[in-house]
């Protein structure tokens, strides 16, 4: 397992716990019910949270083949540009993209936005919260159809409900900064 900067990780944990972790009966996107919920948008749009997320995710990209970073709308979108800027400032520029859930209804009607051609490119998919992994798998399939190689799927938080197994079975490396059990035990 990759070693994160412990101080950054602890501070990000505190931000996520305060701004993004909610206990209570919730219906998830999968239709399942849960006694807790993670809404990462408040942590991703928090200035310090965004900076820490980018630092920790960018550190995980060390040694990973990565020409582009992006993911499925909306979960990945708040992190893509800050990650692009972080990579440029660090001297390892990585451009971005995002995958629409549905093709745009006008203009070029593209599903992959931000890049014209991903053929032969290595891409990393970023996700905010991963439950079964099926949402990010939509992006994986779209990117593979465009000729890209997915070298990693990285999530801020893994709810530990099947994503690891899904990606392992598909032969795609998967990592998360946190797991649901980290917050449930705290």
N, C-alpha and C. Protein backbone atom coordinates (compact mmCIF):
# COMPACT_ATOMS: atom_id res chain seq x y z
N UNK A 1 0.84 -1.19 0.00
CA UNK A 1 0.00 0.00 0.00
C UNK A 1 0.88 1.24 0.00
N UNK A 2 0.48 2.23 -0.73
CA UNK A 2 1.18 3.50 -0.81
C UNK A 2 1.12 4.20 0.54
N UNK A 3 2.22 4.79 0.95
CA UNK A 3 2.24 5.55 2.20
C UNK A 3 1.90 7.02 1.90
N UNK A 4 0.84 7.51 2.48
CA UNK A 4 0.45 8.90 2.33
C UNK A 4 1.18 9.75 3.37
N UNK A 5 1.26 11.04 3.11
CA UNK A 5 1.75 11.97 4.10
C UNK A 5 0.77 11.94 5.27
N UNK A 6 1.22 11.47 6.42
CA UNK A 6 0.33 11.24 7.57
C UNK A 6 -0.37 12.51 8.04
N UNK A 7 0.35 13.62 8.04
CA UNK A 7 -0.24 14.88 8.50
C UNK A 7 -1.33 15.35 7.54
N UNK A 8 -1.05 15.28 6.24
CA UNK A 8 -2.05 15.67 5.25
C UNK A 8 -3.27 14.75 5.32
N UNK A 9 -3.01 13.48 5.45
CA UNK A 9 -4.10 12.49 5.50
C UNK A 9 -4.99 12.74 6.73
N UNK A 10 -4.36 13.01 7.88
CA UNK A 10 -5.14 13.26 9.10
C UNK A 10 -5.98 14.52 8.96
N UNK A 11 -5.40 15.56 8.37
CA UNK A 11 -6.15 16.81 8.20
C UNK A 11 -7.32 16.61 7.22
N UNK A 12 -7.07 15.89 6.12
CA UNK A 12 -8.13 15.62 5.16
C UNK A 12 -9.23 14.77 5.79
N UNK A 13 -8.85 13.79 6.59
CA UNK A 13 -9.83 12.96 7.29
C UNK A 13 -10.75 13.85 8.13
N UNK A 14 -10.17 14.80 8.84
CA UNK A 14 -10.97 15.70 9.69
C UNK A 14 -11.93 16.54 8.84
N UNK A 15 -11.48 17.00 7.69
CA UNK A 15 -12.34 17.79 6.81
C UNK A 15 -13.48 16.94 6.27
N UNK A 16 -13.15 15.75 5.79
CA UNK A 16 -14.18 14.86 5.25
C UNK A 16 -15.19 14.49 6.33
N UNK A 17 -14.70 14.18 7.52
CA UNK A 17 -15.60 13.80 8.62
C UNK A 17 -16.55 14.96 8.97
N UNK A 18 -16.02 16.17 9.00
CA UNK A 18 -16.84 17.34 9.37
C UNK A 18 -17.79 17.78 8.27
N UNK A 19 -17.36 17.67 7.01
CA UNK A 19 -18.13 18.26 5.92
C UNK A 19 -18.86 17.27 5.02
N UNK A 20 -18.43 16.01 5.03
CA UNK A 20 -18.95 15.09 4.02
C UNK A 20 -19.55 13.79 4.56
N UNK A 21 -19.41 13.52 5.84
CA UNK A 21 -19.89 12.27 6.41
C UNK A 21 -21.15 12.53 7.21
N UNK A 22 -22.23 11.81 6.88
CA UNK A 22 -23.52 12.00 7.52
C UNK A 22 -24.06 10.63 7.95
N UNK A 23 -24.54 10.56 9.18
CA UNK A 23 -25.24 9.35 9.63
C UNK A 23 -26.73 9.60 9.53
N UNK A 24 -27.47 8.57 9.17
CA UNK A 24 -28.92 8.68 9.01
C UNK A 24 -29.35 7.81 7.85
N UNK A 25 -30.62 7.51 7.78
CA UNK A 25 -31.14 6.65 6.71
C UNK A 25 -31.10 7.39 5.38
N UNK A 26 -30.43 6.78 4.42
CA UNK A 26 -30.21 7.37 3.10
C UNK A 26 -30.43 6.30 2.04
N UNK A 27 -30.97 6.70 0.89
CA UNK A 27 -31.04 5.80 -0.26
C UNK A 27 -29.89 6.19 -1.18
N UNK A 28 -29.05 5.21 -1.49
CA UNK A 28 -27.89 5.42 -2.34
C UNK A 28 -28.26 5.41 -3.81
N UNK A 29 -27.33 5.84 -4.67
CA UNK A 29 -27.56 5.84 -6.12
C UNK A 29 -27.89 4.44 -6.62
N UNK A 30 -27.35 3.42 -5.96
CA UNK A 30 -27.61 2.03 -6.34
C UNK A 30 -29.03 1.58 -5.98
N UNK A 31 -29.74 2.40 -5.19
CA UNK A 31 -31.07 2.04 -4.73
C UNK A 31 -31.06 1.38 -3.36
N UNK A 32 -29.88 1.00 -2.89
CA UNK A 32 -29.76 0.39 -1.57
C UNK A 32 -29.91 1.44 -0.49
N UNK A 33 -30.35 0.98 0.69
CA UNK A 33 -30.46 1.86 1.85
C UNK A 33 -29.20 1.75 2.69
N UNK A 34 -28.85 2.85 3.34
CA UNK A 34 -27.66 2.86 4.17
C UNK A 34 -27.91 3.73 5.40
N UNK A 35 -27.19 3.44 6.47
CA UNK A 35 -27.32 4.24 7.70
C UNK A 35 -26.28 5.36 7.74
N UNK A 36 -25.52 5.51 6.66
CA UNK A 36 -24.55 6.61 6.57
C UNK A 36 -24.36 7.00 5.10
N UNK A 37 -23.83 8.20 4.91
CA UNK A 37 -23.69 8.74 3.55
C UNK A 37 -22.45 9.61 3.49
N UNK A 38 -21.80 9.60 2.34
CA UNK A 38 -20.66 10.49 2.08
C UNK A 38 -21.00 11.37 0.89
N UNK A 39 -21.08 12.66 1.12
CA UNK A 39 -21.26 13.65 0.06
C UNK A 39 -19.95 14.41 -0.01
N UNK A 40 -19.09 14.02 -0.94
CA UNK A 40 -17.73 14.58 -1.00
C UNK A 40 -17.67 16.00 -1.57
N UNK A 41 -18.75 16.48 -2.16
CA UNK A 41 -18.69 17.81 -2.78
C UNK A 41 -18.24 18.89 -1.78
N UNK A 42 -18.79 18.95 -0.55
CA UNK A 42 -18.32 19.99 0.37
C UNK A 42 -16.81 19.90 0.67
N UNK A 43 -16.27 18.71 0.72
CA UNK A 43 -14.82 18.56 0.96
C UNK A 43 -14.02 18.91 -0.28
N UNK A 44 -14.54 18.57 -1.47
CA UNK A 44 -13.83 18.87 -2.72
C UNK A 44 -13.85 20.35 -3.05
N UNK A 45 -14.91 21.06 -2.61
CA UNK A 45 -15.00 22.48 -2.89
C UNK A 45 -14.44 23.34 -1.76
N UNK A 46 -14.02 22.73 -0.69
CA UNK A 46 -13.32 23.41 0.38
C UNK A 46 -11.89 23.67 -0.10
N UNK A 47 -11.41 24.89 0.04
CA UNK A 47 -10.08 25.23 -0.50
C UNK A 47 -8.99 24.32 0.05
N UNK A 48 -8.96 24.13 1.37
CA UNK A 48 -7.94 23.26 1.96
C UNK A 48 -8.20 21.81 1.57
N UNK A 49 -9.45 21.40 1.58
CA UNK A 49 -9.79 20.03 1.20
C UNK A 49 -9.36 19.71 -0.22
N UNK A 50 -9.63 20.61 -1.15
CA UNK A 50 -9.23 20.41 -2.55
C UNK A 50 -7.72 20.31 -2.68
N UNK A 51 -7.01 21.17 -1.97
CA UNK A 51 -5.55 21.14 -2.02
C UNK A 51 -5.00 19.83 -1.48
N UNK A 52 -5.52 19.39 -0.34
CA UNK A 52 -5.06 18.13 0.26
C UNK A 52 -5.42 16.93 -0.63
N UNK A 53 -6.62 16.93 -1.17
CA UNK A 53 -7.02 15.85 -2.07
C UNK A 53 -6.07 15.76 -3.25
N UNK A 54 -5.76 16.89 -3.85
CA UNK A 54 -4.86 16.89 -5.00
C UNK A 54 -3.47 16.43 -4.61
N UNK A 55 -2.97 16.88 -3.48
CA UNK A 55 -1.64 16.44 -3.02
C UNK A 55 -1.61 14.92 -2.84
N UNK A 56 -2.61 14.38 -2.17
CA UNK A 56 -2.62 12.95 -1.87
C UNK A 56 -2.87 12.10 -3.12
N UNK A 57 -3.76 12.55 -3.99
CA UNK A 57 -3.99 11.81 -5.22
C UNK A 57 -2.77 11.90 -6.13
N UNK A 58 -2.20 13.08 -6.28
CA UNK A 58 -1.02 13.24 -7.14
C UNK A 58 0.13 12.37 -6.64
N UNK A 59 0.29 12.27 -5.33
CA UNK A 59 1.34 11.40 -4.78
C UNK A 59 1.11 9.95 -5.18
N UNK A 60 -0.15 9.54 -5.26
CA UNK A 60 -0.47 8.16 -5.64
C UNK A 60 -0.17 7.89 -7.11
N UNK A 61 -0.05 8.95 -7.91
CA UNK A 61 0.24 8.78 -9.34
C UNK A 61 1.73 8.56 -9.62
N UNK A 62 2.55 8.72 -8.60
CA UNK A 62 3.99 8.50 -8.75
C UNK A 62 4.23 7.05 -9.18
N UNK A 63 4.89 6.87 -10.30
CA UNK A 63 5.17 5.53 -10.80
C UNK A 63 4.05 4.92 -11.62
N UNK A 64 2.94 5.64 -11.79
CA UNK A 64 1.80 5.15 -12.58
C UNK A 64 1.87 5.81 -13.96
N UNK A 65 1.74 5.02 -15.00
CA UNK A 65 1.65 5.58 -16.35
C UNK A 65 0.37 6.40 -16.43
N UNK A 66 0.49 7.68 -16.77
CA UNK A 66 -0.68 8.55 -16.76
C UNK A 66 -0.47 9.74 -17.68
N UNK A 67 -1.17 9.71 -18.82
CA UNK A 67 -1.15 10.85 -19.75
C UNK A 67 -2.28 11.82 -19.44
N UNK A 68 -3.40 11.26 -18.94
CA UNK A 68 -4.58 12.06 -18.64
C UNK A 68 -5.21 11.57 -17.35
N UNK A 69 -5.88 12.50 -16.65
CA UNK A 69 -6.64 12.15 -15.45
C UNK A 69 -8.04 12.74 -15.60
N UNK A 70 -9.04 11.96 -15.20
CA UNK A 70 -10.41 12.43 -15.30
C UNK A 70 -11.36 11.40 -14.73
N UNK A 71 -12.61 11.50 -15.11
CA UNK A 71 -13.59 10.55 -14.62
C UNK A 71 -14.98 10.93 -15.04
N UNK A 72 -15.92 10.20 -14.47
CA UNK A 72 -17.32 10.37 -14.80
C UNK A 72 -17.88 11.63 -14.14
N UNK A 73 -18.71 12.37 -14.90
CA UNK A 73 -19.38 13.51 -14.28
C UNK A 73 -20.30 12.99 -13.18
N UNK A 74 -20.53 13.61 -12.20
CA UNK A 74 -20.04 14.81 -11.57
C UNK A 74 -18.96 14.50 -10.54
N UNK A 75 -18.83 13.26 -10.12
CA UNK A 75 -17.93 12.93 -9.04
C UNK A 75 -16.49 13.34 -9.23
N UNK A 76 -15.99 13.27 -10.46
CA UNK A 76 -14.58 13.59 -10.71
C UNK A 76 -14.36 15.06 -11.05
N UNK A 77 -15.36 15.71 -11.58
CA UNK A 77 -15.19 17.05 -12.15
C UNK A 77 -14.55 18.06 -11.20
N UNK A 78 -14.95 18.16 -9.93
CA UNK A 78 -14.33 19.17 -9.07
C UNK A 78 -12.83 18.97 -8.83
N UNK A 79 -12.31 17.79 -9.09
CA UNK A 79 -10.90 17.52 -8.83
C UNK A 79 -10.00 17.61 -10.05
N UNK A 80 -10.58 17.55 -11.23
CA UNK A 80 -9.76 17.44 -12.44
C UNK A 80 -8.87 18.66 -12.65
N UNK A 81 -9.44 19.84 -12.70
CA UNK A 81 -8.62 21.04 -12.94
C UNK A 81 -7.58 21.29 -11.85
N UNK A 82 -7.95 21.16 -10.56
CA UNK A 82 -6.92 21.32 -9.54
C UNK A 82 -5.79 20.28 -9.67
N UNK A 83 -6.12 19.05 -10.06
CA UNK A 83 -5.08 18.04 -10.29
C UNK A 83 -4.21 18.41 -11.47
N UNK A 84 -4.83 18.93 -12.54
CA UNK A 84 -4.05 19.37 -13.70
C UNK A 84 -3.07 20.46 -13.29
N UNK A 85 -3.55 21.44 -12.53
CA UNK A 85 -2.69 22.55 -12.08
C UNK A 85 -1.58 22.04 -11.17
N UNK A 86 -1.91 21.14 -10.26
CA UNK A 86 -0.92 20.55 -9.34
C UNK A 86 0.16 19.83 -10.14
N UNK A 87 -0.24 19.05 -11.13
CA UNK A 87 0.73 18.29 -11.93
C UNK A 87 1.65 19.23 -12.70
N UNK A 88 1.10 20.30 -13.24
CA UNK A 88 1.92 21.28 -13.97
C UNK A 88 2.92 21.95 -13.04
N UNK A 89 2.45 22.38 -11.87
CA UNK A 89 3.34 23.04 -10.89
C UNK A 89 4.44 22.10 -10.42
N UNK A 90 4.16 20.81 -10.40
CA UNK A 90 5.14 19.83 -9.94
C UNK A 90 6.09 19.39 -11.06
N UNK A 91 5.91 19.93 -12.26
CA UNK A 91 6.79 19.58 -13.37
C UNK A 91 6.44 18.27 -14.06
N UNK A 92 5.25 17.75 -13.80
CA UNK A 92 4.78 16.53 -14.46
C UNK A 92 3.36 16.79 -14.98
N UNK A 93 3.24 17.60 -16.04
CA UNK A 93 1.92 17.99 -16.53
C UNK A 93 1.07 16.80 -16.96
N UNK A 94 -0.13 16.72 -16.39
CA UNK A 94 -1.11 15.70 -16.75
C UNK A 94 -2.40 16.44 -17.09
N UNK A 95 -2.84 16.29 -18.34
CA UNK A 95 -4.06 16.94 -18.78
C UNK A 95 -5.29 16.19 -18.29
N UNK A 96 -6.44 16.80 -18.47
CA UNK A 96 -7.67 16.23 -17.93
C UNK A 96 -8.76 16.02 -18.95
N UNK A 97 -9.81 15.36 -18.51
CA UNK A 97 -11.00 15.08 -19.31
C UNK A 97 -12.12 14.74 -18.33
N UNK A 98 -13.33 14.67 -18.84
CA UNK A 98 -14.40 14.04 -18.07
C UNK A 98 -15.32 13.31 -19.04
N UNK A 99 -16.00 12.31 -18.52
CA UNK A 99 -16.91 11.49 -19.31
C UNK A 99 -18.33 11.84 -18.90
N UNK A 100 -19.12 12.20 -19.89
CA UNK A 100 -20.54 12.48 -19.64
C UNK A 100 -21.30 11.17 -19.44
N UNK A 101 -22.31 11.21 -18.59
CA UNK A 101 -23.15 10.03 -18.42
C UNK A 101 -23.99 9.79 -19.67
N UNK A 102 -24.38 10.87 -20.31
CA UNK A 102 -25.13 10.81 -21.57
C UNK A 102 -24.44 11.75 -22.55
N UNK A 103 -24.46 11.42 -23.84
CA UNK A 103 -23.85 12.34 -24.81
C UNK A 103 -24.53 13.71 -24.76
N UNK A 104 -23.73 14.73 -25.01
CA UNK A 104 -24.26 16.08 -25.06
C UNK A 104 -25.31 16.15 -26.17
N UNK A 105 -26.42 16.83 -25.91
CA UNK A 105 -27.55 16.87 -26.84
C UNK A 105 -27.37 17.81 -28.01
N UNK A 106 -26.28 18.54 -28.07
CA UNK A 106 -26.07 19.46 -29.17
C UNK A 106 -24.58 19.50 -29.51
N UNK A 107 -24.24 20.30 -30.52
CA UNK A 107 -22.83 20.42 -30.91
C UNK A 107 -22.26 19.09 -31.37
N UNK A 108 -21.13 18.71 -30.81
CA UNK A 108 -20.45 17.49 -31.24
C UNK A 108 -21.03 16.22 -30.65
N UNK A 109 -21.87 16.36 -29.63
CA UNK A 109 -22.53 15.23 -28.97
C UNK A 109 -21.52 14.22 -28.41
N UNK A 110 -20.40 14.73 -27.93
CA UNK A 110 -19.35 13.87 -27.37
C UNK A 110 -19.72 13.39 -25.97
N UNK A 111 -19.15 12.24 -25.62
CA UNK A 111 -19.26 11.76 -24.24
C UNK A 111 -17.99 12.07 -23.47
N UNK A 112 -16.85 12.10 -24.15
CA UNK A 112 -15.58 12.41 -23.50
C UNK A 112 -15.24 13.85 -23.83
N UNK A 113 -15.13 14.68 -22.80
CA UNK A 113 -14.88 16.11 -22.98
C UNK A 113 -13.49 16.48 -22.50
N UNK A 114 -12.88 17.43 -23.18
CA UNK A 114 -11.59 17.99 -22.75
C UNK A 114 -10.41 17.49 -23.54
N UNK A 115 -10.61 16.48 -24.36
CA UNK A 115 -9.51 15.91 -25.16
C UNK A 115 -10.09 15.37 -26.45
N UNK A 116 -9.36 15.55 -27.55
CA UNK A 116 -9.85 15.11 -28.85
C UNK A 116 -9.60 13.62 -29.11
N UNK A 117 -8.44 13.11 -28.67
CA UNK A 117 -8.07 11.74 -29.01
C UNK A 117 -7.33 11.08 -27.85
N UNK A 118 -7.88 10.01 -27.34
CA UNK A 118 -7.23 9.26 -26.26
C UNK A 118 -6.62 7.95 -26.73
N UNK A 119 -6.65 7.72 -28.01
CA UNK A 119 -6.12 6.47 -28.55
C UNK A 119 -4.66 6.29 -28.16
N UNK A 120 -4.38 5.15 -27.51
CA UNK A 120 -3.02 4.83 -27.09
C UNK A 120 -2.55 5.54 -25.84
N UNK A 121 -3.42 6.31 -25.21
CA UNK A 121 -3.04 7.08 -24.02
C UNK A 121 -3.37 6.30 -22.74
N UNK A 122 -2.56 6.55 -21.73
CA UNK A 122 -2.77 5.98 -20.39
C UNK A 122 -3.58 6.98 -19.58
N UNK A 123 -4.68 6.50 -18.98
CA UNK A 123 -5.55 7.39 -18.21
C UNK A 123 -5.78 6.85 -16.81
N UNK A 124 -5.93 7.78 -15.88
CA UNK A 124 -6.30 7.46 -14.51
C UNK A 124 -7.68 8.05 -14.28
N UNK A 125 -8.56 7.25 -13.71
CA UNK A 125 -9.92 7.70 -13.40
C UNK A 125 -9.99 8.04 -11.92
N UNK A 126 -10.53 9.22 -11.63
CA UNK A 126 -10.73 9.69 -10.26
C UNK A 126 -12.23 9.62 -9.97
N UNK A 127 -12.55 9.21 -8.76
CA UNK A 127 -13.95 9.13 -8.34
C UNK A 127 -14.06 9.67 -6.93
N UNK A 128 -15.21 10.26 -6.60
CA UNK A 128 -15.38 10.79 -5.25
C UNK A 128 -15.71 9.67 -4.27
N UNK A 129 -16.78 8.96 -4.50
CA UNK A 129 -17.19 7.86 -3.61
C UNK A 129 -17.46 6.64 -4.48
N UNK A 130 -16.91 5.51 -4.07
CA UNK A 130 -17.10 4.27 -4.82
C UNK A 130 -17.85 3.29 -3.94
N UNK A 131 -18.94 2.76 -4.46
CA UNK A 131 -19.72 1.75 -3.73
C UNK A 131 -19.47 0.41 -4.41
N UNK A 132 -20.18 0.14 -5.48
CA UNK A 132 -19.99 -1.12 -6.21
C UNK A 132 -18.92 -1.00 -7.29
N UNK A 133 -18.61 0.24 -7.69
CA UNK A 133 -17.65 0.47 -8.76
C UNK A 133 -18.30 0.62 -10.12
N UNK A 134 -19.61 0.38 -10.20
CA UNK A 134 -20.29 0.42 -11.50
C UNK A 134 -20.29 1.80 -12.15
N UNK A 135 -20.36 2.87 -11.36
CA UNK A 135 -20.38 4.22 -11.96
C UNK A 135 -19.07 4.51 -12.69
N UNK A 136 -17.95 4.31 -12.02
CA UNK A 136 -16.67 4.57 -12.68
C UNK A 136 -16.44 3.58 -13.82
N UNK A 137 -17.04 2.41 -13.74
CA UNK A 137 -16.88 1.43 -14.82
C UNK A 137 -17.50 1.94 -16.12
N UNK A 138 -18.50 2.82 -16.02
CA UNK A 138 -19.06 3.46 -17.22
C UNK A 138 -17.96 4.24 -17.91
N UNK A 139 -17.19 5.00 -17.14
CA UNK A 139 -16.08 5.77 -17.70
C UNK A 139 -15.01 4.83 -18.25
N UNK A 140 -14.69 3.77 -17.52
CA UNK A 140 -13.67 2.81 -17.97
C UNK A 140 -14.03 2.30 -19.36
N UNK A 141 -15.26 1.85 -19.53
CA UNK A 141 -15.68 1.27 -20.81
C UNK A 141 -15.65 2.31 -21.93
N UNK A 142 -16.11 3.51 -21.64
CA UNK A 142 -16.10 4.58 -22.66
C UNK A 142 -14.66 4.91 -23.07
N UNK A 143 -13.77 4.98 -22.10
CA UNK A 143 -12.37 5.29 -22.39
C UNK A 143 -11.69 4.16 -23.16
N UNK A 144 -11.98 2.92 -22.79
CA UNK A 144 -11.42 1.78 -23.52
C UNK A 144 -11.91 1.77 -24.97
N UNK A 145 -13.19 2.10 -25.16
CA UNK A 145 -13.72 2.19 -26.52
C UNK A 145 -13.04 3.28 -27.33
N UNK A 146 -12.56 4.32 -26.65
CA UNK A 146 -11.84 5.41 -27.30
C UNK A 146 -10.37 5.07 -27.52
N UNK A 147 -9.95 3.87 -27.10
CA UNK A 147 -8.58 3.43 -27.34
C UNK A 147 -7.61 3.70 -26.21
N UNK A 148 -8.10 4.18 -25.08
CA UNK A 148 -7.23 4.47 -23.93
C UNK A 148 -7.01 3.22 -23.10
N UNK A 149 -5.94 3.24 -22.33
CA UNK A 149 -5.66 2.19 -21.35
C UNK A 149 -5.86 2.79 -19.97
N UNK A 150 -6.75 2.21 -19.19
CA UNK A 150 -7.00 2.69 -17.82
C UNK A 150 -5.95 2.04 -16.92
N UNK A 151 -5.06 2.86 -16.36
CA UNK A 151 -3.96 2.34 -15.54
C UNK A 151 -4.26 2.35 -14.05
N UNK A 152 -5.32 3.07 -13.65
CA UNK A 152 -5.71 3.13 -12.24
C UNK A 152 -7.07 3.79 -12.11
N UNK A 153 -7.88 3.27 -11.19
CA UNK A 153 -9.08 3.97 -10.73
C UNK A 153 -8.79 4.31 -9.28
N UNK A 154 -8.89 5.60 -8.94
CA UNK A 154 -8.62 6.03 -7.56
C UNK A 154 -9.83 6.80 -7.05
N UNK A 155 -10.28 6.41 -5.87
CA UNK A 155 -11.45 7.01 -5.25
C UNK A 155 -11.04 7.71 -3.96
N UNK A 156 -11.72 8.79 -3.65
CA UNK A 156 -11.49 9.43 -2.35
C UNK A 156 -11.91 8.45 -1.26
N UNK A 157 -13.09 7.85 -1.44
CA UNK A 157 -13.60 6.96 -0.42
C UNK A 157 -14.22 5.72 -1.04
N UNK A 158 -13.83 4.56 -0.55
CA UNK A 158 -14.41 3.28 -0.95
C UNK A 158 -15.38 2.84 0.14
N UNK A 159 -16.65 2.69 -0.21
CA UNK A 159 -17.65 2.23 0.76
C UNK A 159 -17.49 0.74 1.07
N UNK A 160 -16.57 0.07 0.39
CA UNK A 160 -16.25 -1.33 0.65
C UNK A 160 -17.46 -2.24 0.37
N UNK A 161 -18.10 -1.99 -0.77
CA UNK A 161 -19.27 -2.77 -1.13
C UNK A 161 -19.14 -3.38 -2.52
N UNK A 162 -17.91 -3.78 -2.88
CA UNK A 162 -17.72 -4.53 -4.11
C UNK A 162 -16.82 -3.90 -5.16
N UNK A 163 -16.44 -2.64 -5.02
CA UNK A 163 -15.62 -2.00 -6.05
C UNK A 163 -14.27 -2.69 -6.23
N UNK A 164 -13.59 -3.01 -5.14
CA UNK A 164 -12.28 -3.67 -5.23
C UNK A 164 -12.38 -4.96 -6.04
N UNK A 165 -13.40 -5.73 -5.75
CA UNK A 165 -13.59 -7.01 -6.44
C UNK A 165 -13.92 -6.79 -7.91
N UNK A 166 -14.75 -5.80 -8.22
CA UNK A 166 -15.12 -5.51 -9.60
C UNK A 166 -13.89 -5.16 -10.43
N UNK A 167 -13.06 -4.25 -9.89
CA UNK A 167 -11.88 -3.82 -10.64
C UNK A 167 -10.83 -4.91 -10.72
N UNK A 168 -10.68 -5.68 -9.66
CA UNK A 168 -9.74 -6.81 -9.69
C UNK A 168 -10.14 -7.78 -10.80
N UNK A 169 -11.43 -8.10 -10.88
CA UNK A 169 -11.93 -9.03 -11.91
C UNK A 169 -11.71 -8.46 -13.32
N UNK A 170 -11.75 -7.14 -13.45
CA UNK A 170 -11.55 -6.49 -14.75
C UNK A 170 -10.07 -6.25 -15.06
N UNK A 171 -9.19 -6.57 -14.10
CA UNK A 171 -7.75 -6.36 -14.30
C UNK A 171 -7.32 -4.91 -14.25
N UNK A 172 -8.08 -4.09 -13.51
CA UNK A 172 -7.78 -2.66 -13.40
C UNK A 172 -7.39 -2.34 -11.97
N UNK A 173 -6.19 -1.78 -11.75
CA UNK A 173 -5.80 -1.41 -10.39
C UNK A 173 -6.78 -0.40 -9.78
N UNK A 174 -7.05 -0.58 -8.50
CA UNK A 174 -7.99 0.29 -7.77
C UNK A 174 -7.38 0.66 -6.43
N UNK A 175 -7.48 1.94 -6.08
CA UNK A 175 -7.02 2.43 -4.78
C UNK A 175 -8.05 3.42 -4.25
N UNK A 176 -8.02 3.62 -2.94
CA UNK A 176 -8.83 4.69 -2.35
C UNK A 176 -7.99 5.37 -1.27
N UNK A 177 -8.27 6.65 -1.07
CA UNK A 177 -7.58 7.38 0.00
C UNK A 177 -8.10 6.92 1.35
N UNK A 178 -9.41 6.68 1.43
CA UNK A 178 -10.05 6.26 2.67
C UNK A 178 -11.03 5.14 2.36
N UNK A 179 -11.42 4.44 3.42
CA UNK A 179 -12.48 3.45 3.33
C UNK A 179 -13.56 3.84 4.33
N UNK A 180 -14.78 3.41 4.05
CA UNK A 180 -15.90 3.74 4.93
C UNK A 180 -15.61 3.32 6.36
N UNK A 181 -14.97 2.17 6.54
CA UNK A 181 -14.68 1.67 7.88
C UNK A 181 -13.80 2.63 8.68
N UNK A 182 -12.98 3.44 8.00
CA UNK A 182 -12.17 4.45 8.69
C UNK A 182 -13.06 5.42 9.45
N UNK A 183 -14.18 5.81 8.85
CA UNK A 183 -15.09 6.79 9.45
C UNK A 183 -16.08 6.15 10.40
N UNK A 184 -16.49 4.95 10.09
CA UNK A 184 -17.45 4.26 10.95
C UNK A 184 -16.82 3.88 12.28
N UNK A 185 -15.52 3.66 12.30
CA UNK A 185 -14.80 3.30 13.54
C UNK A 185 -14.43 4.53 14.36
N UNK A 186 -14.43 5.69 13.74
CA UNK A 186 -13.97 6.93 14.42
C UNK A 186 -15.06 7.52 15.30
